[in-house]
Amino acid sequence: MAACAGVPQLTPLVRTSLPHVLANVVPVTAPVRDDASSETGAKVTAVFRQFADAGHYPVFDDPSARGQWRVFFEQLLRGSGAVVPAP
């Protein structure tokens, strides 16, 4: 789904995503901000990160993931734009 939407993988990769390769969606390095566009052309932040052996919901269990989403939402709420920081 992420590849179809043009959402890039965050480096370092756990494994290369064949759909991303086929869609030519290149991985990105954090920090990530305004790397995509909405249907209306507005700049948005869109990225996904893989976690080795973490299941489907690592954002609740992995400390570095919690730190990333905390900063993402803090920046968003402050109005300074959503940024995904380095882990």
C-alpha atoms as a PDB file:
ATOM      1  CA  MET A   1       0.000   0.000   0.000  1.00  0.00           C
ATOM      2  CA  ALA A   2       2.795   2.423   0.851  1.00  0.00           C
ATOM      3  CA  ALA A   3       4.487   1.914  -2.515  1.00  0.00           C
ATOM      4  CA  CYS A   4       1.207   2.513  -4.380  1.00  0.00           C
ATOM      5  CA  ALA A   5       0.764   5.771  -2.473  1.00  0.00           C
ATOM      6  CA  GLY A   6       4.358   6.803  -3.156  1.00  0.00           C
ATOM      7  CA  VAL A   7       5.280   6.705   0.538  1.00  0.00           C
ATOM      8  CA  PRO A   8       9.027   6.037   0.840  1.00  0.00           C
ATOM      9  CA  GLN A   9      10.791   3.711   3.245  1.00  0.00           C
ATOM     10  CA  LEU A  10      12.931   5.249   5.964  1.00  0.00           C
ATOM     11  CA  THR A  11      16.555   4.098   6.019  1.00  0.00           C
ATOM     12  CA  PRO A  12      18.120   1.919   7.251  1.00  0.00           C
ATOM     13  CA  LEU A  13      15.970  -0.709   5.568  1.00  0.00           C
ATOM     14  CA  VAL A  14      15.200  -4.007   7.268  1.00  0.00           C
ATOM     15  CA  ARG A  15      14.486  -5.443   3.832  1.00  0.00           C
ATOM     16  CA  THR A  16      14.077  -3.955   0.388  1.00  0.00           C
ATOM     17  CA  SER A  17      10.467  -3.627  -0.716  1.00  0.00           C
ATOM     18  CA  LEU A  18       9.989  -5.001  -4.238  1.00  0.00           C
ATOM     19  CA  PRO A  19       6.839  -2.875  -4.774  1.00  0.00           C
ATOM     20  CA  HIS A  20       8.897   0.224  -3.942  1.00  0.00           C
ATOM     21  CA  VAL A  21      11.607  -0.813  -6.365  1.00  0.00           C
ATOM     22  CA  LEU A  22       9.069  -1.447  -9.134  1.00  0.00           C
ATOM     23  CA  ALA A  23       7.315   1.875  -8.444  1.00  0.00           C
ATOM     24  CA  ASN A  24      10.685   3.688  -8.278  1.00  0.00           C
ATOM     25  CA  VAL A  25       9.944   5.022  -4.783  1.00  0.00           C
ATOM     26  CA  VAL A  26      13.404   5.733  -3.390  1.00  0.00           C
ATOM     27  CA  PRO A  27      14.185   5.295   0.348  1.00  0.00           C
ATOM     28  CA  VAL A  28      14.782   8.467   2.377  1.00  0.00           C
ATOM     29  CA  THR A  29      16.938   9.330   5.378  1.00  0.00           C
ATOM     30  CA  ALA A  30      15.623  11.119   8.481  1.00  0.00           C
ATOM     31  CA  PRO A  31      14.843  13.798   9.273  1.00  0.00           C
ATOM     32  CA  VAL A  32      11.938  13.791   6.814  1.00  0.00           C
ATOM     33  CA  ARG A  33       9.682  16.791   6.240  1.00  0.00           C
ATOM     34  CA  ASP A  34       7.388  17.775   3.367  1.00  0.00           C
ATOM     35  CA  ASP A  35       8.620  14.938   1.149  1.00  0.00           C
ATOM     36  CA  ALA A  36       5.264  14.298  -0.558  1.00  0.00           C
ATOM     37  CA  SER A  37       2.292  16.181  -1.978  1.00  0.00           C
ATOM     38  CA  SER A  38      -1.409  15.777  -1.351  1.00  0.00           C
ATOM     39  CA  GLU A  39      -3.991  15.626  -4.138  1.00  0.00           C
ATOM     40  CA  THR A  40      -4.337  19.409  -3.818  1.00  0.00           C
ATOM     41  CA  GLY A  41      -0.586  19.948  -4.083  1.00  0.00           C
ATOM     42  CA  ALA A  42      -0.044  20.735  -0.400  1.00  0.00           C
ATOM     43  CA  LYS A  43       3.287  19.505   0.964  1.00  0.00           C
ATOM     44  CA  VAL A  44       2.939  16.666   3.489  1.00  0.00           C
ATOM     45  CA  THR A  45       5.268  14.365   5.384  1.00  0.00           C
ATOM     46  CA  ALA A  46       4.896  10.716   4.405  1.00  0.00           C
ATOM     47  CA  VAL A  47       7.288   7.908   5.318  1.00  0.00           C
ATOM     48  CA  PHE A  48       7.246   4.445   6.811  1.00  0.00           C
ATOM     49  CA  ARG A  49       9.838   2.675   8.878  1.00  0.00           C
ATOM     50  CA  GLN A  50      10.399  -1.064   9.207  1.00  0.00           C
ATOM     51  CA  PHE A  51      11.318  -2.781  12.467  1.00  0.00           C
ATOM     52  CA  ALA A  52      13.053  -6.164  12.541  1.00  0.00           C
ATOM     53  CA  ASP A  53      11.118  -8.841  14.429  1.00  0.00           C
ATOM     54  CA  ALA A  54       8.677  -6.307  15.859  1.00  0.00           C
ATOM     55  CA  GLY A  55       5.304  -7.441  14.541  1.00  0.00           C
ATOM     56  CA  HIS A  56       2.717  -5.107  13.092  1.00  0.00           C
ATOM     57  CA  TYR A  57       2.546  -2.380  15.771  1.00  0.00           C
ATOM     58  CA  PRO A  58       6.098  -1.520  16.895  1.00  0.00           C
ATOM     59  CA  VAL A  59       5.226   2.141  17.450  1.00  0.00           C
ATOM     60  CA  PHE A  60       3.765   1.123  20.798  1.00  0.00           C
ATOM     61  CA  ASP A  61       6.694  -1.028  21.960  1.00  0.00           C
ATOM     62  CA  ASP A  62       9.918   0.298  20.425  1.00  0.00           C
ATOM     63  CA  PRO A  63      11.403   3.284  22.317  1.00  0.00           C
ATOM     64  CA  SER A  64      12.926   4.850  19.194  1.00  0.00           C
ATOM     65  CA  ALA A  65       9.583   4.611  17.385  1.00  0.00           C
ATOM     66  CA  ARG A  66       7.769   6.252  20.298  1.00  0.00           C
ATOM     67  CA  GLY A  67      10.346   9.047  20.220  1.00  0.00           C
ATOM     68  CA  GLN A  68       9.789   9.590  16.508  1.00  0.00           C
ATOM     69  CA  TRP A  69       6.015   9.785  16.660  1.00  0.00           C
ATOM     70  CA  ARG A  70       6.154  11.975  19.774  1.00  0.00           C
ATOM     71  CA  VAL A  71       8.333  14.546  17.955  1.00  0.00           C
ATOM     72  CA  PHE A  72       6.158  14.223  14.817  1.00  0.00           C
ATOM     73  CA  PHE A  73       2.975  15.128  16.715  1.00  0.00           C
ATOM     74  CA  GLU A  74       4.644  17.798  18.885  1.00  0.00           C
ATOM     75  CA  GLN A  75       5.875  19.603  15.764  1.00  0.00           C
ATOM     76  CA  LEU A  76       2.503  19.203  14.074  1.00  0.00           C
ATOM     77  CA  LEU A  77       0.632  20.630  17.074  1.00  0.00           C
ATOM     78  CA  ARG A  78       3.056  23.568  17.319  1.00  0.00           C
ATOM     79  CA  GLY A  79       2.303  24.453  13.725  1.00  0.00           C
ATOM     80  CA  SER A  80       5.920  24.118  12.650  1.00  0.00           C
ATOM     81  CA  GLY A  81       5.207  21.301  10.219  1.00  0.00           C
ATOM     82  CA  ALA A  82       5.363  17.582  10.714  1.00  0.00           C
ATOM     83  CA  VAL A  83       8.861  16.132  10.787  1.00  0.00           C
ATOM     84  CA  VAL A  84       9.976  12.554  11.308  1.00  0.00           C
ATOM     85  CA  PRO A  85      13.298  12.774  13.155  1.00  0.00           C
ATOM     86  CA  ALA A  86      16.130  10.281  13.050  1.00  0.00           C
ATOM     87  CA  PRO A  87      15.625   7.339  15.421  1.00  0.00           C
END
